[in-house]
Every structure is written in C-alpha cells, then in structure tokens.
Amino acid sequence: MIDEVEDENFQLRHQGMAPEIDGIIYATLSTGLRLGGKKNYQEGDLVRVRIIDASGYDLIGQIL
C-alpha cells in the first residue's frame, strides 16, 4: 500500500508492516510505467512491487 507519493518516488508498506514502527519500502516506477503507464498513484493505492535491494530495515523496490 502506498503511504506517501512525491513525484515518481513512493513510500510503501505491506500488510505486516506497522506505520512508524517497522521499516519502509522505498520504490520508484519501473521503466515501462514511466513511458505511458498509470502515473496517478495516490496514498492508499495497492500496488505490486519487485524488491531489488535492502538497506537495514528498509527495502528498495520498483512498482510493476
């Protein structure tokens, strides 16, 4: 679920992550979405994410 949107950068969490307690998933749009896919994501939207890296308790991913 998207918690925060800023340009093409997103902060997300999955159903097992508690806000302000657990880590965050930082994500960007995948290349295909930048070239004409849906760009009007809003807080609360459910999205599929591919996790590509981790940093401490946080995850880094791309929205599919």
PDB file of N, CA and C in Angstrom:
ATOM      1  N   MET A   1       0.850  -1.169   0.000  1.00  0.00           N
ATOM      2  CA  MET A   1       0.000   0.000   0.000  1.00  0.00           C
ATOM      3  C   MET A   1       0.901   1.239   0.000  1.00  0.00           C
ATOM      4  N   ILE A   2       0.505   2.218  -0.779  1.00  0.00           N
ATOM      5  CA  ILE A   2       1.274   3.453  -0.856  1.00  0.00           C
ATOM      6  C   ILE A   2       0.951   4.325   0.353  1.00  0.00           C
ATOM      7  N   ASP A   3       2.007   4.731   1.064  1.00  0.00           N
ATOM      8  CA  ASP A   3       1.855   5.636   2.205  1.00  0.00           C
ATOM      9  C   ASP A   3       2.095   7.082   1.810  1.00  0.00           C
ATOM     10  N   GLU A   4       3.042   7.293   0.895  1.00  0.00           N
ATOM     11  CA  GLU A   4       3.417   8.661   0.534  1.00  0.00           C
ATOM     12  C   GLU A   4       3.893   8.699  -0.914  1.00  0.00           C
ATOM     13  N   VAL A   5       3.493   9.749  -1.653  1.00  0.00           N
ATOM     14  CA  VAL A   5       3.881   9.924  -3.052  1.00  0.00           C
ATOM     15  C   VAL A   5       4.562  11.269  -3.207  1.00  0.00           C
ATOM     16  N   GLU A   6       5.725  11.263  -3.866  1.00  0.00           N
ATOM     17  CA  GLU A   6       6.416  12.508  -4.191  1.00  0.00           C
ATOM     18  C   GLU A   6       7.037  12.334  -5.566  1.00  0.00           C
ATOM     19  N   ASP A   7       6.467  13.008  -6.580  1.00  0.00           N
ATOM     20  CA  ASP A   7       6.878  12.848  -7.977  1.00  0.00           C
ATOM     21  C   ASP A   7       6.785  11.371  -8.351  1.00  0.00           C
ATOM     22  N   GLU A   8       7.912  10.745  -8.715  1.00  0.00           N
ATOM     23  CA  GLU A   8       7.911   9.324  -9.061  1.00  0.00           C
ATOM     24  C   GLU A   8       8.577   8.488  -7.972  1.00  0.00           C
ATOM     25  N   ASN A   9       8.620   9.013  -6.757  1.00  0.00           N
ATOM     26  CA  ASN A   9       9.176   8.297  -5.611  1.00  0.00           C
ATOM     27  C   ASN A   9       8.050   7.981  -4.634  1.00  0.00           C
ATOM     28  N   PHE A  10       8.062   6.763  -4.117  1.00  0.00           N
ATOM     29  CA  PHE A  10       6.972   6.295  -3.274  1.00  0.00           C
ATOM     30  C   PHE A  10       7.504   5.683  -1.988  1.00  0.00           C
ATOM     31  N   GLN A  11       6.744   5.840  -0.914  1.00  0.00           N
ATOM     32  CA  GLN A  11       6.995   5.115   0.324  1.00  0.00           C
ATOM     33  C   GLN A  11       5.812   4.184   0.514  1.00  0.00           C
ATOM     34  N   LEU A  12       6.111   2.903   0.700  1.00  0.00           N
ATOM     35  CA  LEU A  12       5.072   1.886   0.783  1.00  0.00           C
ATOM     36  C   LEU A  12       5.270   1.028   2.023  1.00  0.00           C
ATOM     37  N   ARG A  13       4.281   0.199   2.294  1.00  0.00           N
ATOM     38  CA  ARG A  13       4.411  -0.838   3.317  1.00  0.00           C
ATOM     39  C   ARG A  13       3.499  -1.992   2.939  1.00  0.00           C
ATOM     40  N   HIS A  14       3.851  -3.179   3.412  1.00  0.00           N
ATOM     41  CA  HIS A  14       2.976  -4.329   3.180  1.00  0.00           C
ATOM     42  C   HIS A  14       2.135  -4.570   4.427  1.00  0.00           C
ATOM     43  N   GLN A  15       1.214  -5.493   4.344  1.00  0.00           N
ATOM     44  CA  GLN A  15       0.239  -5.681   5.419  1.00  0.00           C
ATOM     45  C   GLN A  15       0.874  -6.052   6.754  1.00  0.00           C
ATOM     46  N   GLY A  16       2.084  -6.558   6.755  1.00  0.00           N
ATOM     47  CA  GLY A  16       2.735  -6.928   8.005  1.00  0.00           C
ATOM     48  C   GLY A  16       3.579  -5.819   8.617  1.00  0.00           C
ATOM     49  N   MET A  17       3.636  -4.663   7.974  1.00  0.00           N
ATOM     50  CA  MET A  17       4.462  -3.554   8.463  1.00  0.00           C
ATOM     51  C   MET A  17       3.599  -2.533   9.187  1.00  0.00           C
ATOM     52  N   ALA A  18       3.986  -2.214  10.420  1.00  0.00           N
ATOM     53  CA  ALA A  18       3.258  -1.212  11.200  1.00  0.00           C
ATOM     54  C   ALA A  18       3.835   0.176  10.911  1.00  0.00           C
ATOM     55  N   PRO A  19       2.961   1.169  10.685  1.00  0.00           N
ATOM     56  CA  PRO A  19       3.452   2.529  10.444  1.00  0.00           C
ATOM     57  C   PRO A  19       4.255   3.042  11.642  1.00  0.00           C
ATOM     58  N   GLU A  20       5.336   3.747  11.367  1.00  0.00           N
ATOM     59  CA  GLU A  20       6.187   4.380  12.377  1.00  0.00           C
ATOM     60  C   GLU A  20       6.890   3.392  13.310  1.00  0.00           C
ATOM     61  N   ILE A  21       6.797   2.083  13.029  1.00  0.00           N
ATOM     62  CA  ILE A  21       7.484   1.094  13.855  1.00  0.00           C
ATOM     63  C   ILE A  21       8.442   0.274  12.995  1.00  0.00           C
ATOM     64  N   ASP A  22       7.914  -0.325  11.941  1.00  0.00           N
ATOM     65  CA  ASP A  22       8.720  -1.156  11.049  1.00  0.00           C
ATOM     66  C   ASP A  22       9.387  -0.299   9.983  1.00  0.00           C
ATOM     67  N   GLY A  23      10.229  -0.941   9.183  1.00  0.00           N
ATOM     68  CA  GLY A  23      10.902  -0.247   8.092  1.00  0.00           C
ATOM     69  C   GLY A  23       9.919   0.216   7.026  1.00  0.00           C
ATOM     70  N   ILE A  24      10.473   0.791   5.973  1.00  0.00           N
ATOM     71  CA  ILE A  24       9.681   1.344   4.873  1.00  0.00           C
ATOM     72  C   ILE A  24      10.148   0.693   3.580  1.00  0.00           C
ATOM     73  N   ILE A  25       9.258   0.583   2.618  1.00  0.00           N
ATOM     74  CA  ILE A  25       9.641   0.178   1.273  1.00  0.00           C
ATOM     75  C   ILE A  25       9.714   1.447   0.436  1.00  0.00           C
ATOM     76  N   TYR A  26      10.904   1.752  -0.066  1.00  0.00           N
ATOM     77  CA  TYR A  26      11.080   2.893  -0.964  1.00  0.00           C
ATOM     78  C   TYR A  26      11.023   2.354  -2.381  1.00  0.00           C
ATOM     79  N   ALA A  27      10.190   2.947  -3.232  1.00  0.00           N
ATOM     80  CA  ALA A  27      10.034   2.423  -4.587  1.00  0.00           C
ATOM     81  C   ALA A  27       9.941   3.548  -5.606  1.00  0.00           C
ATOM     82  N   THR A  28      10.291   3.191  -6.833  1.00  0.00           N
ATOM     83  CA  THR A  28      10.134   4.078  -7.984  1.00  0.00           C
ATOM     84  C   THR A  28       9.323   3.328  -9.028  1.00  0.00           C
ATOM     85  N   LEU A  29       8.903   4.034 -10.054  1.00  0.00           N
ATOM     86  CA  LEU A  29       8.173   3.396 -11.141  1.00  0.00           C
ATOM     87  C   LEU A  29       9.143   2.631 -12.019  1.00  0.00           C
ATOM     88  N   SER A  30       8.730   1.454 -12.494  1.00  0.00           N
ATOM     89  CA  SER A  30       9.569   0.719 -13.431  1.00  0.00           C
ATOM     90  C   SER A  30       9.574   1.457 -14.766  1.00  0.00           C
ATOM     91  N   THR A  31      10.539   1.168 -15.611  1.00  0.00           N
ATOM     92  CA  THR A  31      10.719   1.880 -16.875  1.00  0.00           C
ATOM     93  C   THR A  31       9.456   1.884 -17.728  1.00  0.00           C
ATOM     94  N   GLY A  32       8.766   0.760 -17.831  1.00  0.00           N
ATOM     95  CA  GLY A  32       7.562   0.689 -18.656  1.00  0.00           C
ATOM     96  C   GLY A  32       6.475   1.646 -18.209  1.00  0.00           C
ATOM     97  N   LEU A  33       6.344   1.859 -16.900  1.00  0.00           N
ATOM     98  CA  LEU A  33       5.320   2.770 -16.398  1.00  0.00           C
ATOM     99  C   LEU A  33       5.685   4.222 -16.658  1.00  0.00           C
ATOM    100  N   ARG A  34       6.976   4.535 -16.686  1.00  0.00           N
ATOM    101  CA  ARG A  34       7.388   5.908 -16.964  1.00  0.00           C
ATOM    102  C   ARG A  34       7.058   6.296 -18.399  1.00  0.00           C
ATOM    103  N   LEU A  35       6.933   5.305 -19.270  1.00  0.00           N
ATOM    104  CA  LEU A  35       6.718   5.594 -20.687  1.00  0.00           C
ATOM    105  C   LEU A  35       5.254   5.541 -21.087  1.00  0.00           C
ATOM    106  N   GLY A  36       4.353   5.809 -20.185  1.00  0.00           N
ATOM    107  CA  GLY A  36       2.956   5.898 -20.578  1.00  0.00           C
ATOM    108  C   GLY A  36       1.995   5.087 -19.744  1.00  0.00           C
ATOM    109  N   GLY A  37       2.462   4.397 -18.732  1.00  0.00           N
ATOM    110  CA  GLY A  37       1.566   3.651 -17.863  1.00  0.00           C
ATOM    111  C   GLY A  37       0.882   4.576 -16.876  1.00  0.00           C
ATOM    112  N   LYS A  38       0.186   3.981 -15.914  1.00  0.00           N
ATOM    113  CA  LYS A  38      -0.533   4.767 -14.909  1.00  0.00           C
ATOM    114  C   LYS A  38       0.450   5.570 -14.067  1.00  0.00           C
ATOM    115  N   LYS A  39       0.234   6.869 -13.958  1.00  0.00           N
ATOM    116  CA  LYS A  39       1.111   7.718 -13.151  1.00  0.00           C
ATOM    117  C   LYS A  39       0.363   8.363 -11.996  1.00  0.00           C
ATOM    118  N   ASN A  40      -0.932   8.239 -11.959  1.00  0.00           N
ATOM    119  CA  ASN A  40      -1.730   8.944 -10.959  1.00  0.00           C
ATOM    120  C   ASN A  40      -1.936   8.112  -9.699  1.00  0.00           C
ATOM    121  N   TYR A  41      -0.854   7.592  -9.136  1.00  0.00           N
ATOM    122  CA  TYR A  41      -0.967   6.835  -7.898  1.00  0.00           C
ATOM    123  C   TYR A  41      -1.248   7.781  -6.744  1.00  0.00           C
ATOM    124  N   GLN A  42      -2.022   7.300  -5.794  1.00  0.00           N
ATOM    125  CA  GLN A  42      -2.377   8.107  -4.628  1.00  0.00           C
ATOM    126  C   GLN A  42      -2.126   7.303  -3.360  1.00  0.00           C
ATOM    127  N   GLU A  43      -2.041   8.005  -2.245  1.00  0.00           N
ATOM    128  CA  GLU A  43      -1.902   7.323  -0.961  1.00  0.00           C
ATOM    129  C   GLU A  43      -3.077   6.372  -0.768  1.00  0.00           C
ATOM    130  N   GLY A  44      -2.782   5.165  -0.314  1.00  0.00           N
ATOM    131  CA  GLY A  44      -3.818   4.162  -0.104  1.00  0.00           C
ATOM    132  C   GLY A  44      -3.956   3.173  -1.245  1.00  0.00           C
ATOM    133  N   ASP A  45      -3.387   3.476  -2.430  1.00  0.00           N
ATOM    134  CA  ASP A  45      -3.453   2.549  -3.560  1.00  0.00           C
ATOM    135  C   ASP A  45      -2.648   1.289  -3.252  1.00  0.00           C
ATOM    136  N   LEU A  46      -3.160   0.149  -3.699  1.00  0.00           N
ATOM    137  CA  LEU A  46      -2.439  -1.112  -3.583  1.00  0.00           C
ATOM    138  C   LEU A  46      -1.682  -1.343  -4.881  1.00  0.00           C
ATOM    139  N   VAL A  47      -0.404  -1.661  -4.783  1.00  0.00           N
ATOM    140  CA  VAL A  47       0.430  -1.864  -5.968  1.00  0.00           C
ATOM    141  C   VAL A  47       1.298  -3.104  -5.779  1.00  0.00           C
ATOM    142  N   ARG A  48       1.755  -3.661  -6.898  1.00  0.00           N
ATOM    143  CA  ARG A  48       2.708  -4.772  -6.874  1.00  0.00           C
ATOM    144  C   ARG A  48       4.105  -4.190  -7.004  1.00  0.00           C
ATOM    145  N   VAL A  49       5.025  -4.709  -6.203  1.00  0.00           N
ATOM    146  CA  VAL A  49       6.392  -4.175  -6.165  1.00  0.00           C
ATOM    147  C   VAL A  49       7.396  -5.319  -6.273  1.00  0.00           C
ATOM    148  N   ARG A  50       8.437  -5.102  -7.050  1.00  0.00           N
ATOM    149  CA  ARG A  50       9.564  -6.035  -7.099  1.00  0.00           C
ATOM    150  C   ARG A  50      10.650  -5.469  -6.186  1.00  0.00           C
ATOM    151  N   ILE A  51      11.024  -6.222  -5.163  1.00  0.00           N
ATOM    152  CA  ILE A  51      12.080  -5.789  -4.247  1.00  0.00           C
ATOM    153  C   ILE A  51      13.426  -6.068  -4.919  1.00  0.00           C
ATOM    154  N   ILE A  52      14.272  -5.027  -4.995  1.00  0.00           N
ATOM    155  CA  ILE A  52      15.555  -5.175  -5.677  1.00  0.00           C
ATOM    156  C   ILE A  52      16.756  -4.998  -4.743  1.00  0.00           C
ATOM    157  N   ASP A  53      16.537  -4.500  -3.528  1.00  0.00           N
ATOM    158  CA  ASP A  53      17.647  -4.285  -2.600  1.00  0.00           C
ATOM    159  C   ASP A  53      17.093  -4.079  -1.191  1.00  0.00           C
ATOM    160  N   ALA A  54      17.982  -4.073  -0.227  1.00  0.00           N
ATOM    161  CA  ALA A  54      17.606  -3.811   1.165  1.00  0.00           C
ATOM    162  C   ALA A  54      18.668  -2.928   1.799  1.00  0.00           C
ATOM    163  N   SER A  55      18.233  -2.122   2.757  1.00  0.00           N
ATOM    164  CA  SER A  55      19.142  -1.239   3.484  1.00  0.00           C
ATOM    165  C   SER A  55      18.687  -1.201   4.938  1.00  0.00           C
ATOM    166  N   GLY A  56      19.369  -1.942   5.790  1.00  0.00           N
ATOM    167  CA  GLY A  56      18.938  -2.027   7.183  1.00  0.00           C
ATOM    168  C   GLY A  56      17.564  -2.670   7.269  1.00  0.00           C
ATOM    169  N   TYR A  57      16.612  -1.967   7.873  1.00  0.00           N
ATOM    170  CA  TYR A  57      15.245  -2.477   7.987  1.00  0.00           C
ATOM    171  C   TYR A  57      14.373  -2.081   6.804  1.00  0.00           C
ATOM    172  N   ASP A  58      14.880  -1.262   5.901  1.00  0.00           N
ATOM    173  CA  ASP A  58      14.105  -0.764   4.766  1.00  0.00           C
ATOM    174  C   ASP A  58      14.366  -1.600   3.515  1.00  0.00           C
ATOM    175  N   LEU A  59      13.388  -1.608   2.616  1.00  0.00           N
ATOM    176  CA  LEU A  59      13.503  -2.315   1.348  1.00  0.00           C
ATOM    177  C   LEU A  59      13.447  -1.311   0.202  1.00  0.00           C
ATOM    178  N   ILE A  60      14.092  -1.650  -0.905  1.00  0.00           N
ATOM    179  CA  ILE A  60      14.103  -0.815  -2.101  1.00  0.00           C
ATOM    180  C   ILE A  60      13.445  -1.621  -3.212  1.00  0.00           C
ATOM    181  N   GLY A  61      12.516  -0.995  -3.952  1.00  0.00           N
ATOM    182  CA  GLY A  61      11.822  -1.740  -4.993  1.00  0.00           C
ATOM    183  C   GLY A  61      11.381  -0.893  -6.159  1.00  0.00           C
ATOM    184  N   GLN A  62      10.752  -1.574  -7.119  1.00  0.00           N
ATOM    185  CA  GLN A  62      10.170  -0.921  -8.288  1.00  0.00           C
ATOM    186  C   GLN A  62       8.713  -1.345  -8.398  1.00  0.00           C
ATOM    187  N   ILE A  63       7.845  -0.377  -8.642  1.00  0.00           N
ATOM    188  CA  ILE A  63       6.429  -0.671  -8.841  1.00  0.00           C
ATOM    189  C   ILE A  63       6.259  -1.313 -10.206  1.00  0.00           C
ATOM    190  N   LEU A  64       5.567  -2.434 -10.243  1.00  0.00           N
ATOM    191  CA  LEU A  64       5.364  -3.170 -11.501  1.00  0.00           C
ATOM    192  C   LEU A  64       4.141  -2.694 -12.240  1.00  0.00           C
TER     193      LEU A  64
END
